[in-house]
Amino acid sequence: MSVSIIVAMSRNHTIGIKNTLPWRCPEDLKHFKAQTMGHHMIMGRKTFDSIGKTLPGRTTVVVTRDKQLMIEGCLMAHSLAEAIDLCSEDEETFIVGGADIYAQSLALADRLYITEIQQDVEGDAHFPAFDKSAWQEIAREVRSQESPQPLHYHFVTYQRIKESA
């Protein structure tokens, strides 16, 4: 099984503000759906709350410290390791947020799917800094939109560089 991170972030690594996305980008939502469809998605409880429901065609695994919390239609885990174990049958499992889950999973990830918003954005949640020299860019698609807000962004895929033995 491979572990992939999927995230949209600004140049200054902002991923959210007040538990919402700080931009409106319909193509990014379509990209997210296309990548994650048919797979397990691991997310923190606050990220689940921001989405507000399970997403069709995917298995949602929610990581929470609350041992009593049960969410209908979701698998519950109390650590990232437990969440990953619940996904062991999936060929590719997606880490979908938030900031704390991303920070915990970055060292475990094999692939990063990053929508790079080409501007700095104010926010209160950020993707952790990472060493780009440990990753090889394997795909980049340059996009822009005028509506619902002007935005330039790139869909970028990075593969972890395997150290030779």
Protein backbone atom coordinates (compact mmCIF):
# COMPACT_ATOMS: atom_id res chain seq x y z
CA MET A 1 0.00 0.00 0.00
CA SER A 2 1.19 3.50 -0.76
CA VAL A 3 0.36 6.57 1.28
CA SER A 4 -0.36 9.75 -0.65
CA ILE A 5 -1.02 13.25 0.59
CA ILE A 6 -3.46 15.43 -1.33
CA VAL A 7 -3.64 19.13 -0.48
CA ALA A 8 -4.31 22.55 -1.95
CA MET A 9 -2.00 25.18 -0.51
CA SER A 10 -0.90 28.72 -1.21
CA ARG A 11 2.71 29.85 -1.75
CA ASN A 12 2.95 30.58 1.99
CA HIS A 13 1.59 27.08 2.76
CA THR A 14 -1.88 28.23 3.89
CA ILE A 15 -4.45 25.43 3.62
CA GLY A 16 -7.37 26.84 5.60
CA ILE A 17 -8.98 29.61 7.58
CA LYS A 18 -11.67 29.11 10.25
CA ASN A 19 -12.03 25.45 9.17
CA THR A 20 -12.84 26.32 5.54
CA LEU A 21 -10.87 26.62 2.31
CA PRO A 22 -9.61 30.18 1.79
CA TRP A 23 -10.40 30.11 -1.96
CA ARG A 24 -13.07 28.80 -4.32
CA CYS A 25 -11.64 26.57 -7.03
CA PRO A 26 -14.14 24.14 -8.59
CA GLU A 27 -11.45 22.45 -10.72
CA ASP A 28 -9.45 21.64 -7.59
CA LEU A 29 -12.51 19.93 -6.08
CA LYS A 30 -12.92 17.89 -9.30
CA HIS A 31 -9.19 17.01 -9.18
CA PHE A 32 -9.54 15.91 -5.54
CA LYS A 33 -12.52 13.73 -6.42
CA ALA A 34 -10.77 12.15 -9.43
CA GLN A 35 -7.66 11.26 -7.40
CA THR A 36 -9.43 9.91 -4.30
CA MET A 37 -12.39 8.09 -5.88
CA GLY A 38 -12.49 4.42 -4.87
CA HIS A 39 -9.84 4.86 -2.16
CA HIS A 40 -9.60 5.37 1.58
CA MET A 41 -9.23 8.95 2.82
CA ILE A 42 -7.69 9.63 6.23
CA MET A 43 -8.61 12.92 7.88
CA GLY A 44 -8.75 14.55 11.25
CA ARG A 45 -12.07 15.14 12.96
CA LYS A 46 -12.04 18.90 12.30
CA THR A 47 -11.47 18.26 8.59
CA PHE A 48 -14.40 15.87 8.60
CA ASP A 49 -16.51 18.54 10.33
CA SER A 50 -15.54 21.07 7.64
CA ILE A 51 -16.70 18.67 4.89
CA GLY A 52 -19.78 17.80 6.92
CA LYS A 53 -20.52 14.39 5.40
CA THR A 54 -18.97 11.27 3.95
CA LEU A 55 -18.01 11.62 0.30
CA PRO A 56 -19.53 9.07 -2.09
CA GLY A 57 -17.34 6.36 -3.58
CA ARG A 58 -14.64 6.66 -0.93
CA THR A 59 -14.03 5.20 2.53
CA THR A 60 -13.62 7.89 5.19
CA VAL A 61 -11.30 7.21 8.12
CA VAL A 62 -11.52 9.87 10.85
CA VAL A 63 -8.66 10.25 13.34
CA THR A 64 -9.87 11.53 16.70
CA ARG A 65 -8.69 11.60 20.30
CA ASP A 66 -12.31 11.14 21.43
CA LYS A 67 -12.65 7.42 22.14
CA GLN A 68 -16.46 7.73 22.34
CA LEU A 69 -16.96 9.47 18.99
CA MET A 70 -18.72 7.45 16.33
CA ILE A 71 -19.63 8.95 12.95
CA GLU A 72 -22.09 7.03 10.81
CA GLY A 73 -20.49 5.76 7.61
CA CYS A 74 -16.91 6.39 8.81
CA LEU A 75 -14.17 4.21 10.20
CA MET A 76 -12.80 5.66 13.44
CA ALA A 77 -9.14 5.64 14.48
CA HIS A 78 -7.36 7.10 17.49
CA SER A 79 -3.93 7.51 15.88
CA LEU A 80 -2.51 7.93 12.42
CA ALA A 81 -0.90 4.47 12.64
CA GLU A 82 -4.27 2.92 13.48
CA ALA A 83 -5.89 4.78 10.58
CA ILE A 84 -3.26 3.52 8.13
CA ASP A 85 -3.76 -0.04 9.42
CA LEU A 86 -7.48 0.26 8.65
CA CYS A 87 -6.54 1.02 5.01
CA SER A 88 -4.10 -1.85 4.49
CA GLU A 89 -6.18 -3.46 1.71
CA ASP A 90 -6.16 -0.27 -0.42
CA GLU A 91 -3.38 0.10 -3.01
CA GLU A 92 -3.27 3.89 -2.44
CA THR A 93 -4.56 5.65 0.66
CA PHE A 94 -4.98 9.42 0.76
CA ILE A 95 -4.19 11.74 3.65
CA VAL A 96 -6.57 14.68 3.17
CA GLY A 97 -5.93 16.89 6.21
CA GLY A 98 -5.82 18.86 8.32
CA ALA A 99 -2.55 20.48 9.29
CA ASP A 100 -1.75 18.17 12.24
CA ILE A 101 -2.49 15.00 10.25
CA TYR A 102 -0.38 16.32 7.35
CA ALA A 103 2.52 17.01 9.74
CA GLN A 104 2.28 13.49 11.19
CA SER A 105 2.07 11.81 7.78
CA LEU A 106 4.64 13.70 5.71
CA ALA A 107 7.48 11.32 6.65
CA LEU A 108 5.30 8.33 5.70
CA ALA A 109 4.08 9.58 2.33
CA ASP A 110 5.21 8.10 -0.98
CA ARG A 111 3.48 10.70 -3.17
CA LEU A 112 2.23 14.27 -2.86
CA TYR A 113 -0.62 15.65 -4.96
CA ILE A 114 -0.39 19.40 -4.39
CA THR A 115 -2.58 22.07 -5.88
CA GLU A 116 -0.16 24.99 -5.67
CA ILE A 117 -2.14 28.24 -5.43
CA GLN A 118 0.18 30.81 -7.00
CA GLN A 119 -0.24 33.53 -4.38
CA ASP A 120 0.14 34.13 -0.66
CA VAL A 121 -3.11 33.70 1.26
CA GLU A 122 -4.08 34.62 4.83
CA GLY A 123 -5.07 31.67 6.97
CA ASP A 124 -4.81 29.88 10.30
CA ALA A 125 -3.93 26.37 9.07
CA HIS A 126 -0.75 25.59 7.15
CA PHE A 127 0.88 22.66 5.38
CA PRO A 128 4.22 21.80 7.01
CA ALA A 129 7.47 22.86 5.37
CA PHE A 130 9.13 19.96 3.58
CA ASP A 131 12.44 19.28 1.87
CA LYS A 132 11.70 19.42 -1.86
CA SER A 133 15.07 17.77 -2.59
CA ALA A 134 13.59 14.51 -1.20
CA TRP A 135 10.89 14.59 -3.89
CA GLN A 136 10.88 14.35 -7.67
CA GLU A 137 8.25 16.30 -9.58
CA ILE A 138 6.59 13.83 -11.95
CA ALA A 139 3.69 15.92 -13.26
CA ARG A 140 2.65 19.58 -13.46
CA GLU A 141 -0.46 21.06 -15.02
CA VAL A 142 -0.70 24.88 -15.12
CA ARG A 143 -4.26 26.17 -14.71
CA SER A 144 -6.13 29.39 -14.08
CA GLN A 145 -9.69 30.56 -13.56
CA GLU A 146 -11.51 33.87 -13.64
CA SER A 147 -14.66 32.70 -11.84
CA PRO A 148 -15.75 32.35 -9.06
CA GLN A 149 -12.56 34.28 -8.27
CA PRO A 150 -9.42 34.96 -10.32
CA LEU A 151 -6.86 32.31 -9.42
CA HIS A 152 -3.70 30.83 -10.90
CA TYR A 153 -2.80 27.35 -9.69
CA HIS A 154 -0.80 24.26 -10.65
CA PHE A 155 -1.69 20.61 -10.14
CA VAL A 156 1.67 19.10 -9.17
CA THR A 157 2.54 15.49 -8.35
CA TYR A 158 5.71 14.64 -6.44
CA GLN A 159 7.14 11.16 -5.90
CA ARG A 160 9.45 10.49 -2.95
CA ILE A 161 13.00 9.81 -4.15
CA LYS A 162 13.99 6.36 -2.92
CA GLU A 163 17.45 6.18 -1.42
CA SER A 164 19.64 3.62 -3.16
CA ALA A 165 21.00 0.80 -1.01
